[in-house]
Amino acid sequence: RLSCAASGFTLDYYAIGWFRQAPGKEREGVLCISSS
């Protein structure tokens, strides 16, 4: 279970995406959650 903790601002109205990048490969979008 990965966590993404924000400081200095609130996440309420943002969409948040998780990305991943393996060595030698391009960054890949995995999942996103909208503000709603």
All heavy atoms as atom14 arrays in JSON, in Angstrom:
{
  "sequence": "RLSCAASGFTLDYYAIGWFRQAPGKEREGVLCISSS",
  "atom14_mask": [
    [1, 1, 1, 1, 1, 1, 1, 1, 1, 1, 1, 0, 0, 0],
    [1, 1, 1, 1, 1, 1, 1, 1, 0, 0, 0, 0, 0, 0],
    [1, 1, 1, 1, 1, 1, 0, 0, 0, 0, 0, 0, 0, 0],
    [1, 1, 1, 1, 1, 1, 0, 0, 0, 0, 0, 0, 0, 0],
    [1, 1, 1, 1, 1, 0, 0, 0, 0, 0, 0, 0, 0, 0],
    [1, 1, 1, 1, 1, 0, 0, 0, 0, 0, 0, 0, 0, 0],
    [1, 1, 1, 1, 1, 1, 0, 0, 0, 0, 0, 0, 0, 0],
    [1, 1, 1, 1, 0, 0, 0, 0, 0, 0, 0, 0, 0, 0],
    [1, 1, 1, 1, 1, 1, 1, 1, 1, 1, 1, 0, 0, 0],
    [1, 1, 1, 1, 1, 1, 1, 0, 0, 0, 0, 0, 0, 0],
    [1, 1, 1, 1, 1, 1, 1, 1, 0, 0, 0, 0, 0, 0],
    [1, 1, 1, 1, 1, 1, 1, 1, 0, 0, 0, 0, 0, 0],
    [1, 1, 1, 1, 1, 1, 1, 1, 1, 1, 1, 1, 0, 0],
    [1, 1, 1, 1, 1, 1, 1, 1, 1, 1, 1, 1, 0, 0],
    [1, 1, 1, 1, 1, 0, 0, 0, 0, 0, 0, 0, 0, 0],
    [1, 1, 1, 1, 1, 1, 1, 1, 0, 0, 0, 0, 0, 0],
    [1, 1, 1, 1, 0, 0, 0, 0, 0, 0, 0, 0, 0, 0],
    [1, 1, 1, 1, 1, 1, 1, 1, 1, 1, 1, 1, 1, 1],
    [1, 1, 1, 1, 1, 1, 1, 1, 1, 1, 1, 0, 0, 0],
    [1, 1, 1, 1, 1, 1, 1, 1, 1, 1, 1, 0, 0, 0],
    [1, 1, 1, 1, 1, 1, 1, 1, 1, 0, 0, 0, 0, 0],
    [1, 1, 1, 1, 1, 0, 0, 0, 0, 0, 0, 0, 0, 0],
    [1, 1, 1, 1, 1, 1, 1, 0, 0, 0, 0, 0, 0, 0],
    [1, 1, 1, 1, 0, 0, 0, 0, 0, 0, 0, 0, 0, 0],
    [1, 1, 1, 1, 1, 1, 1, 1, 1, 0, 0, 0, 0, 0],
    [1, 1, 1, 1, 1, 1, 1, 1, 1, 0, 0, 0, 0, 0],
    [1, 1, 1, 1, 1, 1, 1, 1, 1, 1, 1, 0, 0, 0],
    [1, 1, 1, 1, 1, 1, 1, 1, 1, 0, 0, 0, 0, 0],
    [1, 1, 1, 1, 0, 0, 0, 0, 0, 0, 0, 0, 0, 0],
    [1, 1, 1, 1, 1, 1, 1, 0, 0, 0, 0, 0, 0, 0],
    [1, 1, 1, 1, 1, 1, 1, 1, 0, 0, 0, 0, 0, 0],
    [1, 1, 1, 1, 1, 1, 0, 0, 0, 0, 0, 0, 0, 0],
    [1, 1, 1, 1, 1, 1, 1, 1, 0, 0, 0, 0, 0, 0],
    [1, 1, 1, 1, 1, 1, 0, 0, 0, 0, 0, 0, 0, 0],
    [1, 1, 1, 1, 1, 1, 0, 0, 0, 0, 0, 0, 0, 0],
    [1, 1, 1, 1, 1, 1, 0, 0, 0, 0, 0, 0, 0, 0]
  ],
  "atom14_positions": [
    [[0.85, -1.18, 0.0], [0.0, 0.0, 0.0], [0.89, 1.23, 0.0], [1.61, 1.48, 0.97], [-0.92, 0.02, 1.22], [-1.98, 1.12, 1.18], [-2.62, 1.29, 2.53], [-3.86, 2.05, 2.48], [-4.43, 2.63, 3.53], [-3.88, 2.51, 4.73], [-5.57, 3.29, 3.38], [0.0, 0.0, 0.0], [0.0, 0.0, 0.0], [0.0, 0.0, 0.0]],
    [[0.84, 1.98, -1.08], [1.6, 3.21, -1.19], [0.76, 4.38, -0.72], [-0.45, 4.42, -0.93], [2.04, 3.45, -2.63], [2.82, 2.33, -3.32], [3.27, 2.79, -4.7], [4.01, 1.89, -2.49], [0.0, 0.0, 0.0], [0.0, 0.0, 0.0], [0.0, 0.0, 0.0], [0.0, 0.0, 0.0], [0.0, 0.0, 0.0], [0.0, 0.0, 0.0]],
    [[1.43, 5.35, -0.1], [0.78, 6.56, 0.35], [1.39, 7.76, -0.34], [2.59, 7.78, -0.64], [0.93, 6.73, 1.87], [0.31, 5.68, 2.57], [0.0, 0.0, 0.0], [0.0, 0.0, 0.0], [0.0, 0.0, 0.0], [0.0, 0.0, 0.0], [0.0, 0.0, 0.0], [0.0, 0.0, 0.0], [0.0, 0.0, 0.0], [0.0, 0.0, 0.0]],
    [[0.57, 8.76, -0.59], [1.01, 10.03, -1.15], [0.46, 11.11, -0.24], [-0.75, 11.39, -0.26], [0.5, 10.19, -2.58], [0.82, 11.8, -3.33], [0.0, 0.0, 0.0], [0.0, 0.0, 0.0], [0.0, 0.0, 0.0], [0.0, 0.0, 0.0], [0.0, 0.0, 0.0], [0.0, 0.0, 0.0], [0.0, 0.0, 0.0], [0.0, 0.0, 0.0]],
    [[1.32, 11.69, 0.56], [0.91, 12.68, 1.54], [1.29, 14.08, 1.07], [2.43, 14.33, 0.67], [1.57, 12.4, 2.89], [0.0, 0.0, 0.0], [0.0, 0.0, 0.0], [0.0, 0.0, 0.0], [0.0, 0.0, 0.0], [0.0, 0.0, 0.0], [0.0, 0.0, 0.0], [0.0, 0.0, 0.0], [0.0, 0.0, 0.0], [0.0, 0.0, 0.0]],
    [[0.33, 14.99, 1.12], [0.55, 16.37, 0.71], [0.78, 17.25, 1.92], [0.16, 17.07, 2.96], [-0.64, 16.88, -0.09], [0.0, 0.0, 0.0], [0.0, 0.0, 0.0], [0.0, 0.0, 0.0], [0.0, 0.0, 0.0], [0.0, 0.0, 0.0], [0.0, 0.0, 0.0], [0.0, 0.0, 0.0], [0.0, 0.0, 0.0], [0.0, 0.0, 0.0]],
    [[1.66, 18.21, 1.76], [1.88, 19.23, 2.78], [2.02, 20.57, 2.09], [2.49, 20.66, 0.97], [3.11, 18.92, 3.63], [4.28, 18.89, 2.85], [0.0, 0.0, 0.0], [0.0, 0.0, 0.0], [0.0, 0.0, 0.0], [0.0, 0.0, 0.0], [0.0, 0.0, 0.0], [0.0, 0.0, 0.0], [0.0, 0.0, 0.0], [0.0, 0.0, 0.0]],
    [[1.6, 21.62, 2.78], [1.65, 22.95, 2.22], [0.45, 23.32, 1.37], [0.34, 24.48, 0.96], [0.0, 0.0, 0.0], [0.0, 0.0, 0.0], [0.0, 0.0, 0.0], [0.0, 0.0, 0.0], [0.0, 0.0, 0.0], [0.0, 0.0, 0.0], [0.0, 0.0, 0.0], [0.0, 0.0, 0.0], [0.0, 0.0, 0.0], [0.0, 0.0, 0.0]],
    [[-0.42, 22.36, 1.1], [-1.65, 22.6, 0.36], [-2.6, 21.46, 0.65], [-2.18, 20.41, 1.16], [-1.4, 22.76, -1.15], [-0.95, 21.5, -1.84], [-1.85, 20.77, -2.61], [0.35, 21.04, -1.72], [-1.44, 19.62, -3.27], [0.76, 19.89, -2.35], [-0.14, 19.18, -3.13], [0.0, 0.0, 0.0], [0.0, 0.0, 0.0], [0.0, 0.0, 0.0]],
    [[-3.85, 21.63, 0.31], [-4.86, 20.6, 0.52], [-5.24, 19.95, -0.8], [-5.33, 20.61, -1.83], [-6.11, 21.16, 1.2], [-6.66, 22.22, 0.41], [-5.77, 21.7, 2.58], [0.0, 0.0, 0.0], [0.0, 0.0, 0.0], [0.0, 0.0, 0.0], [0.0, 0.0, 0.0], [0.0, 0.0, 0.0], [0.0, 0.0, 0.0], [0.0, 0.0, 0.0]],
    [[-5.49, 18.65, -0.75], [-5.76, 17.87, -1.95], [-7.21, 17.87, -2.38], [-7.53, 17.35, -3.46], [-5.33, 16.41, -1.71], [-3.84, 16.13, -1.6], [-3.61, 14.68, -1.19], [-3.14, 16.43, -2.91], [0.0, 0.0, 0.0], [0.0, 0.0, 0.0], [0.0, 0.0, 0.0], [0.0, 0.0, 0.0], [0.0, 0.0, 0.0], [0.0, 0.0, 0.0]],
    [[-8.09, 18.46, -1.6], [-9.53, 18.29, -1.79], [-10.01, 18.51, -3.22], [-10.85, 17.75, -3.71], [-10.3, 19.22, -0.86], [-10.06, 18.93, 0.61], [-8.94, 18.55, 0.98], [-11.02, 19.1, 1.39], [0.0, 0.0, 0.0], [0.0, 0.0, 0.0], [0.0, 0.0, 0.0], [0.0, 0.0, 0.0], [0.0, 0.0, 0.0], [0.0, 0.0, 0.0]],
    [[-9.51, 19.54, -3.87], [-10.03, 19.92, -5.18], [-9.13, 19.48, -6.34], [-9.36, 19.89, -7.47], [-10.27, 21.43, -5.23], [-11.27, 21.88, -4.2], [-10.87, 22.52, -3.03], [-12.63, 21.64, -4.38], [-11.79, 22.91, -2.08], [-13.55, 22.03, -3.43], [-13.13, 22.67, -2.28], [-14.05, 23.05, -1.34], [0.0, 0.0, 0.0], [0.0, 0.0, 0.0]],
    [[-8.15, 18.66, -6.06], [-7.23, 18.16, -7.08], [-7.61, 16.76, -7.52], [-8.14, 15.96, -6.74], [-5.8, 18.12, -6.53], [-5.14, 19.45, -6.3], [-5.47, 20.24, -5.21], [-4.14, 19.89, -7.17], [-4.85, 21.45, -4.99], [-3.51, 21.1, -6.95], [-3.87, 21.87, -5.86], [-3.23, 23.07, -5.65], [0.0, 0.0, 0.0], [0.0, 0.0, 0.0]],
    [[-7.31, 16.45, -8.77], [-7.18, 15.06, -9.18], [-5.77, 14.59, -8.84], [-4.82, 15.36, -8.92], [-7.45, 14.91, -10.67], [0.0, 0.0, 0.0], [0.0, 0.0, 0.0], [0.0, 0.0, 0.0], [0.0, 0.0, 0.0], [0.0, 0.0, 0.0], [0.0, 0.0, 0.0], [0.0, 0.0, 0.0], [0.0, 0.0, 0.0], [0.0, 0.0, 0.0]],
    [[-5.66, 13.33, -8.46], [-4.35, 12.77, -8.11], [-4.11, 11.53, -8.96], [-4.95, 10.63, -9.01], [-4.25, 12.41, -6.62], [-4.48, 13.64, -5.75], [-2.86, 11.83, -6.32], [-5.89, 13.78, -5.24], [0.0, 0.0, 0.0], [0.0, 0.0, 0.0], [0.0, 0.0, 0.0], [0.0, 0.0, 0.0], [0.0, 0.0, 0.0], [0.0, 0.0, 0.0]],
    [[-2.97, 11.5, -9.61], [-2.59, 10.37, -10.43], [-1.4, 9.63, -9.85], [-0.53, 10.23, -9.22], [0.0, 0.0, 0.0], [0.0, 0.0, 0.0], [0.0, 0.0, 0.0], [0.0, 0.0, 0.0], [0.0, 0.0, 0.0], [0.0, 0.0, 0.0], [0.0, 0.0, 0.0], [0.0, 0.0, 0.0], [0.0, 0.0, 0.0], [0.0, 0.0, 0.0]],
    [[-1.39, 8.33, -10.05], [-0.23, 7.5, -9.77], [0.41, 7.11, -11.09], [-0.28, 6.66, -12.02], [-0.6, 6.25, -8.99], [-0.83, 6.49, -7.52], [-2.01, 6.66, -6.88], [0.19, 6.56, -6.51], [-1.81, 6.84, -5.54], [-0.46, 6.79, -5.28], [1.58, 6.46, -6.52], [0.23, 6.92, -4.07], [2.27, 6.59, -5.32], [1.59, 6.81, -4.13]],
    [[1.72, 7.27, -11.15], [2.53, 6.93, -12.31], [3.62, 5.97, -11.9], [3.95, 5.87, -10.71], [3.16, 8.19, -12.92], [2.18, 9.25, -13.33], [1.6, 10.09, -12.39], [1.85, 9.41, -14.67], [0.7, 11.07, -12.76], [0.95, 10.4, -15.06], [0.38, 11.22, -14.11], [0.0, 0.0, 0.0], [0.0, 0.0, 0.0], [0.0, 0.0, 0.0]],
    [[4.2, 5.29, -12.86], [5.35, 4.45, -12.56], [6.32, 4.47, -13.72], [5.94, 4.69, -14.87], [4.94, 3.01, -12.23], [4.31, 2.25, -13.39], [3.84, 0.87, -12.9], [3.29, 0.08, -13.98], [2.79, -1.13, -13.82], [2.78, -1.7, -12.62], [2.3, -1.79, -14.88], [0.0, 0.0, 0.0], [0.0, 0.0, 0.0], [0.0, 0.0, 0.0]],
    [[7.58, 4.25, -13.4], [8.62, 4.21, -14.42], [9.65, 3.15, -14.06], [10.28, 3.23, -13.0], [9.3, 5.57, -14.58], [10.27, 5.63, -15.74], [10.69, 7.04, -16.08], [10.57, 7.95, -15.26], [11.17, 7.24, -17.29], [0.0, 0.0, 0.0], [0.0, 0.0, 0.0], [0.0, 0.0, 0.0], [0.0, 0.0, 0.0], [0.0, 0.0, 0.0]],
    [[9.79, 2.17, -14.93], [10.8, 1.14, -14.77], [12.07, 1.57, -15.51], [12.01, 2.36, -16.46], [10.3, -0.19, -15.31], [0.0, 0.0, 0.0], [0.0, 0.0, 0.0], [0.0, 0.0, 0.0], [0.0, 0.0, 0.0], [0.0, 0.0, 0.0], [0.0, 0.0, 0.0], [0.0, 0.0, 0.0], [0.0, 0.0, 0.0], [0.0, 0.0, 0.0]],
    [[13.23, 1.06, -15.09], [14.47, 1.42, -15.79], [14.39, 1.12, -17.28], [13.97, 0.03, -17.69], [15.52, 0.54, -15.1], [14.97, 0.28, -13.74], [13.48, 0.17, -13.95], [0.0, 0.0, 0.0], [0.0, 0.0, 0.0], [0.0, 0.0, 0.0], [0.0, 0.0, 0.0], [0.0, 0.0, 0.0], [0.0, 0.0, 0.0], [0.0, 0.0, 0.0]],
    [[14.77, 2.09, -18.09], [14.77, 1.93, -19.53], [13.41, 2.04, -20.19], [13.31, 1.85, -21.4], [0.0, 0.0, 0.0], [0.0, 0.0, 0.0], [0.0, 0.0, 0.0], [0.0, 0.0, 0.0], [0.0, 0.0, 0.0], [0.0, 0.0, 0.0], [0.0, 0.0, 0.0], [0.0, 0.0, 0.0], [0.0, 0.0, 0.0], [0.0, 0.0, 0.0]],
    [[12.37, 2.35, -19.43], [11.03, 2.45, -19.98], [10.47, 3.85, -19.7], [10.92, 4.55, -18.8], [10.1, 1.39, -19.38], [10.58, -0.03, -19.6], [9.61, -1.05, -19.05], [8.36, -1.15, -19.89], [7.47, -2.26, -19.43], [0.0, 0.0, 0.0], [0.0, 0.0, 0.0], [0.0, 0.0, 0.0], [0.0, 0.0, 0.0], [0.0, 0.0, 0.0]],
    [[9.49, 4.22, -20.5], [8.86, 5.52, -20.33], [7.91, 5.51, -19.14], [7.4, 4.47, -18.73], [8.11, 5.91, -21.6], [9.0, 6.15, -22.8], [8.23, 6.61, -24.01], [6.99, 6.63, -23.97], [8.88, 6.97, -25.01], [0.0, 0.0, 0.0], [0.0, 0.0, 0.0], [0.0, 0.0, 0.0], [0.0, 0.0, 0.0], [0.0, 0.0, 0.0]],
    [[7.7, 6.68, -18.6], [6.74, 6.84, -17.51], [5.35, 6.44, -17.97], [4.91, 6.8, -19.07], [6.76, 8.28, -17.01], [5.8, 8.56, -15.86], [5.94, 10.01, -15.43], [5.76, 10.92, -16.56], [6.3, 12.13, -16.64], [7.06, 12.58, -15.65], [6.08, 12.88, -17.71], [0.0, 0.0, 0.0], [0.0, 0.0, 0.0], [0.0, 0.0, 0.0]],
    [[4.64, 5.73, -17.13], [3.33, 5.19, -17.45], [2.31, 5.65, -16.42], [2.53, 5.53, -15.21], [3.39, 3.66, -17.47], [2.06, 2.97, -17.67], [2.16, 1.47, -17.5], [3.03, 1.01, -16.72], [1.38, 0.75, -18.15], [0.0, 0.0, 0.0], [0.0, 0.0, 0.0], [0.0, 0.0, 0.0], [0.0, 0.0, 0.0], [0.0, 0.0, 0.0]],
    [[1.2, 6.18, -16.89], [0.1, 6.48, -16.0], [-0.6, 5.21, -15.57], [-0.86, 4.34, -16.41], [0.0, 0.0, 0.0], [0.0, 0.0, 0.0], [0.0, 0.0, 0.0], [0.0, 0.0, 0.0], [0.0, 0.0, 0.0], [0.0, 0.0, 0.0], [0.0, 0.0, 0.0], [0.0, 0.0, 0.0], [0.0, 0.0, 0.0], [0.0, 0.0, 0.0]],
    [[-0.9, 5.08, -14.3], [-1.48, 3.86, -13.76], [-2.95, 4.05, -13.39], [-3.84, 3.43, -13.96], [-0.67, 3.36, -12.54], [-1.28, 2.08, -11.98], [0.79, 3.15, -12.92], [0.0, 0.0, 0.0], [0.0, 0.0, 0.0], [0.0, 0.0, 0.0], [0.0, 0.0, 0.0], [0.0, 0.0, 0.0], [0.0, 0.0, 0.0], [0.0, 0.0, 0.0]],
    [[-3.2, 4.91, -12.41], [-4.54, 5.18, -11.92], [-4.65, 6.64, -11.54], [-3.66, 7.28, -11.2], [-4.87, 4.32, -10.7], [-5.34, 2.89, -10.94], [-5.24, 2.08, -9.65], [-6.77, 2.87, -11.45], [0.0, 0.0, 0.0], [0.0, 0.0, 0.0], [0.0, 0.0, 0.0], [0.0, 0.0, 0.0], [0.0, 0.0, 0.0], [0.0, 0.0, 0.0]],
    [[-5.86, 7.15, -11.59], [-6.12, 8.52, -11.19], [-7.43, 8.57, -10.44], [-8.36, 7.81, -10.74], [-6.17, 9.44, -12.41], [-6.51, 11.17, -12.05], [0.0, 0.0, 0.0], [0.0, 0.0, 0.0], [0.0, 0.0, 0.0], [0.0, 0.0, 0.0], [0.0, 0.0, 0.0], [0.0, 0.0, 0.0], [0.0, 0.0, 0.0], [0.0, 0.0, 0.0]],
    [[-7.5, 9.46, -9.47], [-8.75, 9.7, -8.75], [-9.08, 11.18, -8.85], [-8.22, 12.05, -8.64], [-8.66, 9.22, -7.28], [-10.03, 9.31, -6.61], [-7.59, 9.96, -6.5], [-10.1, 8.51, -5.31], [0.0, 0.0, 0.0], [0.0, 0.0, 0.0], [0.0, 0.0, 0.0], [0.0, 0.0, 0.0], [0.0, 0.0, 0.0], [0.0, 0.0, 0.0]],
    [[-10.31, 11.49, -9.21], [-10.72, 12.86, -9.41], [-11.06, 13.53, -8.09], [-11.11, 12.89, -7.03], [-11.95, 12.91, -10.33], [-13.1, 12.42, -9.67], [0.0, 0.0, 0.0], [0.0, 0.0, 0.0], [0.0, 0.0, 0.0], [0.0, 0.0, 0.0], [0.0, 0.0, 0.0], [0.0, 0.0, 0.0], [0.0, 0.0, 0.0], [0.0, 0.0, 0.0]],
    [[-11.29, 14.83, -8.16], [-11.66, 15.56, -6.94], [-12.97, 15.09, -6.35], [-13.2, 15.23, -5.15], [-11.73, 17.06, -7.24], [-12.71, 17.35, -8.21], [0.0, 0.0, 0.0], [0.0, 0.0, 0.0], [0.0, 0.0, 0.0], [0.0, 0.0, 0.0], [0.0, 0.0, 0.0], [0.0, 0.0, 0.0], [0.0, 0.0, 0.0], [0.0, 0.0, 0.0]],
    [[-13.84, 14.51, -7.18], [-15.12, 14.0, -6.71], [-15.04, 12.56, -6.24], [-16.04, 12.02, -5.76], [-16.17, 14.12, -7.81], [-15.83, 13.35, -8.94], [0.0, 0.0, 0.0], [0.0, 0.0, 0.0], [0.0, 0.0, 0.0], [0.0, 0.0, 0.0], [0.0, 0.0, 0.0], [0.0, 0.0, 0.0], [0.0, 0.0, 0.0], [0.0, 0.0, 0.0]]
  ]
}
